[in-house]
């Protein structure tokens, strides 16, 4: 689930999805804004984007990032944690 396995492709692993979410966090955003941005269908980026994921998988990726200390919640906005 966290890492790819025999039954879970690399683009669906939570670490991969979490890394993709981090690319959208140049500045703090709401969870709904992150979700919309992740699911935006840009034809030019299909090769580098993971396949469409469900909302619960997205939330699990956010939970993993929070548990690893990579993101934090500030005033209702998700932000990268400063090192």
Protein backbone atom coordinates (compact mmCIF):
# COMPACT_ATOMS: atom_id res chain seq x y z
CA UNK A 1 0.00 0.00 0.00
CA UNK A 2 2.72 2.45 0.91
CA UNK A 3 5.27 0.95 -1.47
CA UNK A 4 4.63 -0.72 -4.83
CA UNK A 5 4.16 -4.47 -4.76
CA UNK A 6 3.22 -7.35 -7.00
CA UNK A 7 -0.44 -6.31 -6.87
CA UNK A 8 0.00 -2.54 -6.57
CA UNK A 9 1.57 -0.63 -9.49
CA UNK A 10 4.19 2.00 -8.78
CA UNK A 11 1.94 4.91 -9.79
CA UNK A 12 -0.69 3.86 -7.21
CA UNK A 13 1.65 3.47 -4.22
CA UNK A 14 1.00 6.04 -1.50
CA UNK A 15 4.58 7.32 -1.61
CA UNK A 16 4.22 8.01 -5.34
CA UNK A 17 0.85 9.72 -4.91
CA UNK A 18 2.21 11.70 -1.96
CA UNK A 19 5.20 12.83 -4.00
CA UNK A 20 2.86 13.94 -6.76
CA UNK A 21 0.75 15.88 -4.23
CA UNK A 22 3.90 17.64 -3.00
CA UNK A 23 4.52 19.02 -6.49
CA UNK A 24 1.33 21.07 -6.11
CA UNK A 25 2.33 22.57 -2.74
CA UNK A 26 4.51 25.48 -3.85
CA UNK A 27 2.28 27.54 -1.55
CA UNK A 28 -0.35 26.46 1.01
CA UNK A 29 -3.70 25.23 -0.36
CA UNK A 30 -6.94 23.82 0.93
CA UNK A 31 -7.50 20.08 0.72
CA UNK A 32 -10.24 20.60 -1.88
CA UNK A 33 -7.95 22.78 -4.03
CA UNK A 34 -5.26 20.08 -3.90
CA UNK A 35 -7.81 17.42 -4.84
CA UNK A 36 -9.08 19.44 -7.81
CA UNK A 37 -5.56 20.19 -9.02
CA UNK A 38 -4.53 16.54 -8.76
CA UNK A 39 -7.51 15.45 -10.84
CA UNK A 40 -7.25 18.12 -13.52
CA UNK A 41 -6.97 16.39 -16.88
CA UNK A 42 -4.11 18.04 -18.76
CA UNK A 43 -3.42 16.07 -21.93
CA UNK A 44 0.24 17.12 -22.07
CA UNK A 45 1.03 15.63 -18.66
CA UNK A 46 -0.57 12.21 -19.04
CA UNK A 47 2.79 10.44 -19.35
CA UNK A 48 4.17 11.81 -16.07
CA UNK A 49 0.99 11.84 -13.97
CA UNK A 50 -0.16 8.82 -12.00
CA UNK A 51 -3.49 7.38 -13.06
CA UNK A 52 -6.62 8.84 -11.52
CA UNK A 53 -7.02 7.95 -7.86
CA UNK A 54 -10.01 7.96 -5.54
CA UNK A 55 -10.54 10.56 -2.84
CA UNK A 56 -9.90 8.07 -0.04
CA UNK A 57 -6.55 7.12 -1.60
CA UNK A 58 -5.71 10.84 -1.83
CA UNK A 59 -6.53 11.30 1.87
CA UNK A 60 -4.38 8.28 2.76
CA UNK A 61 -1.49 9.89 0.86
CA UNK A 62 -2.03 13.12 2.83
CA UNK A 63 -2.08 11.10 6.07
CA UNK A 64 1.20 9.46 5.13
CA UNK A 65 2.82 12.81 4.31
CA UNK A 66 1.61 14.23 7.63
CA UNK A 67 2.89 11.17 9.53
CA UNK A 68 6.29 11.56 7.88
CA UNK A 69 6.40 15.22 8.92
CA UNK A 70 6.40 16.48 5.35
CA UNK A 71 3.21 18.55 5.48
CA UNK A 72 1.23 20.36 8.16
CA UNK A 73 -2.16 21.99 8.50
CA UNK A 74 -2.07 25.76 9.13
CA UNK A 75 -5.33 27.72 9.42
CA UNK A 76 -7.17 25.21 7.24
CA UNK A 77 -4.44 25.13 4.57
CA UNK A 78 -2.11 22.26 3.80
CA UNK A 79 1.49 23.44 3.61
CA UNK A 80 4.93 21.91 3.27
CA UNK A 81 6.68 21.70 6.61
CA UNK A 82 9.83 23.77 6.81
CA UNK A 83 12.99 21.74 7.42
